[in-house]
Amino acid sequence: MIFEKYILPGIMLDTFRDVTPEFLAERGIKNLICDIDNTLVTYDDPVPTPDVSDWFGKMAAAGVKIAFVSNNDRERVDLFNRDLGFVSYAKAGKPKTKYIAAAMRDMGASAADTALLGDQLLTDAAAGARAGLFSIIVPPIKDKKSLFFRFKRWLERPYIKKYNKLHASDR
């Protein structure tokens, strides 16, 4: 497959909740750049849910720094981040890496100790790979049903199958 090295994630998990401080520490990860929509909450959730807030608390207690790099607009990202105060960048244009690099600078992070958490191979995993980060992909919480999103998910299918085949013994 032609884009395999840019699209296959480091790991695919069932939910963001599977990303624990222990999971990150085992991999030497101290910084986590997160997508928001469909990774942590649905597009309909303007602010973190109690479950997400609890997860952020556990990360903070373990010393894990969080940043948001989202392709959504500034208003959406600012509202979500309003009470958190994390480093955040909107309209990031992932898989471009400009704002991932900026977030790492702001956190005092390096590629070696940073991971990217998202729900899309073509944006999040590709951006992580291009930035030299360990990428963690979770299934979308509530996917949009537009033709554009359905097409993107269709493009991802062979890479998900390839990932599953490569990691069948890990389960």
Protein backbone atom coordinates (compact mmCIF):
# COMPACT_ATOMS: atom_id res chain seq x y z
CA MET A 1 0.00 0.00 0.00
CA ILE A 2 1.38 3.26 -1.12
CA PHE A 3 0.91 5.55 1.93
CA GLU A 4 1.30 2.86 4.57
CA LYS A 5 4.21 4.46 6.43
CA TYR A 6 2.25 7.70 6.82
CA ILE A 7 -1.16 6.30 7.67
CA LEU A 8 -0.65 3.22 9.82
CA PRO A 9 -0.76 4.31 13.47
CA GLY A 10 1.53 3.19 16.25
CA ILE A 11 -1.48 1.63 17.94
CA MET A 12 -5.25 1.44 17.59
CA LEU A 13 -7.28 1.34 20.79
CA ASP A 14 -10.99 1.05 21.56
CA THR A 15 -11.38 4.45 23.24
CA PHE A 16 -9.39 7.41 24.53
CA ARG A 17 -9.93 5.95 28.03
CA ASP A 18 -7.49 3.17 27.11
CA VAL A 19 -4.77 5.81 26.97
CA THR A 20 -3.78 5.82 30.62
CA PRO A 21 -0.82 7.48 32.32
CA GLU A 22 0.66 3.97 32.74
CA PHE A 23 0.21 3.22 29.03
CA LEU A 24 2.03 6.44 28.15
CA ALA A 25 4.78 5.97 30.75
CA GLU A 26 5.54 2.48 29.39
CA ARG A 27 6.29 4.18 26.06
CA GLY A 28 8.24 7.12 27.50
CA ILE A 29 5.48 9.55 26.57
CA LYS A 30 5.07 12.67 28.71
CA ASN A 31 3.11 14.85 26.29
CA LEU A 32 -0.10 14.13 24.42
CA ILE A 33 -1.45 16.11 21.49
CA CYS A 34 -5.17 15.41 21.15
CA ASP A 35 -7.72 15.83 18.47
CA ILE A 36 -11.09 16.81 19.97
CA ASP A 37 -14.04 15.91 17.76
CA ASN A 38 -14.93 12.24 17.57
CA THR A 39 -11.80 11.41 19.56
CA LEU A 40 -12.67 12.79 22.99
CA VAL A 41 -16.27 13.96 22.45
CA THR A 42 -18.87 14.13 19.70
CA TYR A 43 -19.22 17.21 17.52
CA ASP A 44 -22.35 17.93 19.58
CA ASP A 45 -20.48 18.22 22.90
CA PRO A 46 -19.32 21.84 23.20
CA VAL A 47 -17.30 21.24 26.37
CA PRO A 48 -15.62 18.21 27.93
CA THR A 49 -17.99 15.62 29.33
CA PRO A 50 -17.48 14.55 32.96
CA ASP A 51 -15.76 11.39 31.69
CA VAL A 52 -13.31 13.42 29.61
CA SER A 53 -12.69 15.88 32.47
CA ASP A 54 -11.92 12.95 34.78
CA TRP A 55 -9.47 11.56 32.20
CA PHE A 56 -7.74 14.97 31.95
CA GLY A 57 -7.47 15.00 35.74
CA LYS A 58 -5.77 11.61 35.78
CA MET A 59 -3.34 12.75 33.09
CA ALA A 60 -2.52 15.96 34.98
CA ALA A 61 -2.02 14.05 38.25
CA ALA A 62 0.52 11.85 36.45
CA GLY A 63 2.33 14.88 34.98
CA VAL A 64 1.20 14.28 31.39
CA LYS A 65 0.93 17.55 29.45
CA ILE A 66 -2.00 17.89 27.05
CA ALA A 67 -2.43 20.06 23.96
CA PHE A 68 -5.19 20.27 21.37
CA VAL A 69 -4.51 20.42 17.65
CA SER A 70 -7.81 20.42 15.78
CA ASN A 71 -8.94 20.98 12.23
CA ASN A 72 -12.10 22.59 13.61
CA ASP A 73 -12.53 26.36 13.94
CA ARG A 74 -11.14 28.59 16.69
CA GLU A 75 -14.53 29.19 18.31
CA ARG A 76 -15.12 25.46 18.79
CA VAL A 77 -11.62 24.77 20.13
CA ASP A 78 -11.65 27.80 22.47
CA LEU A 79 -15.03 26.83 23.92
CA PHE A 80 -13.90 23.25 24.53
CA ASN A 81 -10.63 24.44 26.11
CA ARG A 82 -12.09 27.42 28.02
CA ASP A 83 -11.94 25.87 31.51
CA LEU A 84 -8.89 23.71 30.81
CA GLY A 85 -6.33 26.21 29.60
CA PHE A 86 -4.31 23.70 27.60
CA VAL A 87 -2.16 24.69 24.65
CA SER A 88 -4.48 24.67 21.64
CA TYR A 89 -4.44 25.26 17.92
CA ALA A 90 -7.45 25.37 15.61
CA LYS A 91 -7.76 25.11 11.82
CA ALA A 92 -4.58 23.05 11.92
CA GLY A 93 -4.95 21.57 8.46
CA LYS A 94 -3.79 18.12 9.58
CA PRO A 95 -1.98 16.18 8.13
CA LYS A 96 0.14 19.34 8.00
CA THR A 97 2.48 19.50 10.98
CA LYS A 98 2.94 23.24 11.54
CA TYR A 99 0.66 23.40 14.58
CA ILE A 100 1.84 20.07 15.96
CA ALA A 101 5.37 21.50 16.00
CA ALA A 102 4.05 24.69 17.61
CA ALA A 103 2.20 22.72 20.30
CA MET A 104 5.34 20.73 21.07
CA ARG A 105 7.36 23.95 21.36
CA ASP A 106 4.74 25.42 23.70
CA MET A 107 4.81 22.29 25.89
CA GLY A 108 8.60 22.01 25.87
CA ALA A 109 8.18 18.60 24.24
CA SER A 110 10.12 16.57 21.72
CA ALA A 111 8.96 13.99 19.20
CA ALA A 112 10.53 11.27 21.35
CA ASP A 113 8.29 12.01 24.35
CA THR A 114 5.08 13.04 22.58
CA ALA A 115 2.18 11.08 21.10
CA LEU A 116 -0.78 12.17 18.99
CA LEU A 117 -4.29 10.91 19.78
CA GLY A 118 -6.99 11.07 17.11
CA ASP A 119 -9.71 9.23 15.26
CA GLN A 120 -8.70 9.56 11.60
CA LEU A 121 -5.88 7.86 9.75
CA LEU A 122 -5.78 10.38 6.91
CA THR A 123 -5.44 13.41 9.17
CA ASP A 124 -4.35 12.42 12.68
CA ALA A 125 -2.18 9.35 12.05
CA ALA A 126 -0.65 10.95 8.96
CA ALA A 127 0.14 14.16 10.85
CA GLY A 128 1.66 12.18 13.70
CA ALA A 129 3.82 10.15 11.34
CA ARG A 130 4.98 13.24 9.46
CA ALA A 131 5.93 14.87 12.78
CA GLY A 132 7.77 11.75 13.96
CA LEU A 133 5.28 11.04 16.78
CA PHE A 134 3.80 7.83 18.09
CA SER A 135 0.18 7.95 16.92
CA ILE A 136 -2.77 6.51 18.78
CA ILE A 137 -6.00 6.07 16.84
CA VAL A 138 -9.40 5.35 18.35
CA PRO A 139 -12.66 4.72 16.47
CA PRO A 140 -14.83 7.78 15.94
CA ILE A 141 -17.35 8.27 18.74
CA LYS A 142 -20.17 9.39 16.44
CA ASP A 143 -19.11 9.78 12.85
CA LYS A 144 -20.57 12.34 10.52
CA LYS A 145 -22.63 10.78 7.75
CA SER A 146 -21.77 13.25 4.99
CA LEU A 147 -20.51 11.91 1.69
CA PHE A 148 -17.08 13.45 2.38
CA PHE A 149 -16.67 11.65 5.73
CA ARG A 150 -18.01 8.38 4.38
CA PHE A 151 -15.48 8.60 1.54
CA LYS A 152 -12.62 9.28 3.96
CA ARG A 153 -13.62 6.29 6.09
CA TRP A 154 -13.81 4.14 2.96
CA LEU A 155 -10.25 5.20 2.06
CA GLU A 156 -9.08 4.22 5.55
CA ARG A 157 -10.53 0.68 5.45
CA PRO A 158 -7.64 -1.10 3.71
CA TYR A 159 -5.15 0.48 6.11
CA ILE A 160 -7.20 -0.57 9.13
CA LYS A 161 -7.27 -4.11 7.74
CA LYS A 162 -3.50 -3.98 7.21
CA TYR A 163 -2.97 -2.71 10.76
CA ASN A 164 -5.20 -5.49 12.15
CA LYS A 165 -3.33 -8.13 10.16
CA LEU A 166 0.06 -6.83 11.34
CA HIS A 167 -1.05 -6.68 14.97
CA ALA A 168 -3.27 -9.77 15.19
CA SER A 169 -0.88 -11.41 17.66
CA ASP A 170 -0.94 -8.33 19.95
CA ARG A 171 -4.52 -8.98 21.03
